[in-house]
Protein backbone atom coordinates (compact mmCIF):
# COMPACT_ATOMS: atom_id res chain seq x y z
CA MET A 1 87.95 27.17 -117.83
CA SER A 2 91.04 28.10 -115.84
CA ASN A 3 93.54 25.51 -114.62
CA GLN A 4 94.50 27.81 -111.77
CA ILE A 5 93.94 26.07 -108.42
CA PHE A 6 94.89 28.98 -106.15
CA GLN A 7 93.36 32.45 -106.35
CA ILE A 8 95.81 35.34 -106.02
CA LEU A 9 94.85 37.73 -103.21
CA LYS A 10 96.11 41.14 -102.10
CA ASP A 11 99.72 41.10 -100.85
CA LEU A 12 100.40 40.99 -97.13
CA PRO A 13 101.49 44.29 -95.53
CA ILE A 14 104.75 42.60 -94.43
CA ALA A 15 106.68 39.42 -95.18
CA ILE A 16 105.89 36.65 -92.70
CA SER A 17 107.46 33.34 -91.80
CA GLN A 18 106.13 30.73 -89.36
CA SER A 19 102.96 32.71 -88.60
CA GLN A 20 99.90 31.43 -86.78
CA CYS A 21 96.47 32.02 -88.33
CA VAL A 22 92.94 31.60 -86.98
CA LEU A 23 89.66 31.81 -88.88
CA HIS A 24 86.85 33.95 -87.41
CA LYS A 25 83.72 34.60 -89.51
CA ASP A 26 84.93 36.47 -92.64
CA GLU A 27 88.39 37.15 -91.20
CA ILE A 28 91.70 35.37 -91.13
CA LEU A 29 93.61 36.51 -88.06
CA ILE A 30 97.38 36.48 -88.59
CA CYS A 31 98.95 36.36 -85.13
CA GLY A 32 102.61 37.28 -85.31
CA SER A 33 105.46 35.54 -87.10
CA LEU A 34 109.13 34.75 -86.75
CA ASP A 35 110.22 38.27 -87.80
CA ASP A 36 107.16 40.37 -86.93
CA SER A 37 105.27 40.62 -83.64
CA ASN A 38 102.25 42.38 -85.18
CA CYS A 39 98.82 40.81 -85.61
CA TYR A 40 96.61 41.52 -88.62
CA SER A 41 93.12 40.71 -89.80
CA TYR A 42 92.49 39.82 -93.44
CA HIS A 43 88.85 40.33 -94.44
CA THR A 44 88.03 37.66 -97.01
CA LEU A 45 85.12 39.59 -98.57
CA LYS A 46 86.81 43.01 -98.71
CA SER A 47 90.27 41.63 -99.64
CA GLU A 48 91.90 44.04 -97.20
CA TYR A 49 94.21 43.86 -94.19
CA LYS A 50 93.97 45.75 -90.91
CA PHE A 51 96.37 45.97 -88.00
CA ILE A 52 95.02 44.46 -84.76
CA CYS A 53 97.79 44.73 -82.16
CA GLU A 54 101.37 43.85 -81.32
CA TYR A 55 102.69 41.14 -79.03
CA PRO A 56 104.45 42.42 -75.87
CA SER A 57 108.11 43.28 -76.50
CA ASN A 58 109.37 40.55 -74.14
CA VAL A 59 107.66 37.76 -76.16
CA THR A 60 109.73 35.82 -78.73
CA LEU A 61 107.47 34.09 -81.26
CA ILE A 62 109.82 31.31 -82.36
CA GLY A 63 107.63 28.19 -82.22
CA HIS A 64 104.46 29.82 -80.88
CA CYS A 65 100.95 28.45 -81.34
CA VAL A 66 97.61 30.32 -81.43
CA VAL A 67 94.22 28.67 -80.97
CA LYS A 68 90.65 29.94 -80.80
CA LEU A 69 88.79 29.00 -77.63
CA VAL A 70 85.20 27.90 -78.27
CA ASP A 71 82.77 29.31 -75.71
CA SER A 72 79.07 29.22 -76.60
CA SER A 73 78.09 31.39 -73.61
CA LYS A 74 79.87 34.51 -74.92
CA SER A 75 78.67 37.00 -77.49
CA SER A 76 79.39 35.94 -81.06
CA ASN A 77 81.12 39.31 -81.57
CA GLN A 78 83.92 38.37 -79.19
CA ILE A 79 86.24 35.39 -79.28
CA THR A 80 89.10 34.34 -77.03
CA LEU A 81 92.51 33.56 -78.52
CA LEU A 82 95.26 31.71 -76.67
CA SER A 83 98.89 32.16 -77.66
CA PHE A 84 101.48 29.91 -76.09
CA GLY A 85 104.93 28.49 -76.60
CA GLY A 86 107.64 30.50 -78.24
CA LEU A 87 111.27 30.73 -77.20
CA LYS A 88 110.47 31.96 -73.68
CA LYS A 89 107.40 29.72 -73.24
CA HIS A 90 104.78 32.49 -73.03
CA THR A 91 101.07 32.01 -72.33
CA LEU A 92 98.81 34.89 -73.39
CA ILE A 93 95.07 35.49 -73.81
CA MET A 94 93.38 37.98 -76.13
CA LYS A 95 89.69 38.84 -76.18
CA TYR A 96 89.21 39.68 -79.86
CA VAL A 97 86.46 41.88 -81.27
CA SER A 98 86.49 42.41 -85.04
CA VAL A 99 88.44 45.44 -86.19
CA TRP A 100 86.01 45.67 -89.12
CA SER A 101 82.79 46.15 -87.13
CA ASP A 102 82.25 49.93 -87.54
CA ASP A 103 84.07 50.71 -90.79
CA ASN A 104 81.34 52.88 -92.29
CA ASN A 105 80.98 55.33 -89.41
CA GLU A 106 84.09 57.09 -88.09
CA ASN A 107 82.46 58.32 -84.85
CA LYS A 108 81.21 54.86 -84.01
CA MET A 109 84.65 53.47 -84.80
CA ASN A 110 86.38 55.87 -82.41
CA LYS A 111 83.85 55.10 -79.70
CA SER A 112 84.26 51.37 -80.35
CA LYS A 113 88.06 51.67 -80.04
CA GLU A 114 87.68 53.41 -76.68
CA LEU A 115 85.36 50.67 -75.43
CA LYS A 116 87.72 47.93 -76.64
CA LYS A 117 90.63 49.49 -74.78
CA ALA A 118 88.53 49.74 -71.62
CA ASP A 119 87.54 46.08 -71.94
CA ASN A 120 91.14 45.02 -72.69
CA CYS A 121 90.09 43.64 -76.07
CA ASN A 122 92.41 43.22 -79.04
CA GLN A 123 95.62 43.18 -77.02
CA TRP A 124 97.79 40.36 -75.67
């Protein structure tokens, strides 16, 4: 029996400090950090990371906070994230749809990306 309490997972694509994370189904959403304005999804079953989006260039993430809004009337495929605070006191909303949904079919994935852009999903 192992005495190891923590399991070692795949390394992050970048070094992060003071990041905000939100759990959604099998994903951990990493929403920016002190030195990086990118957002990533870590799939806990696949042990892989995917890029989601980037914060707007005028947003400084020093001291920001991200929370998941609970809304039972919406589809379970979409969640709403709120990001607020930071150096310039921003308030942003993102409608998030999993970036992992159509991994096995490239055509569906491209079509899904087009729909997400049209619906303003996965961007702050």
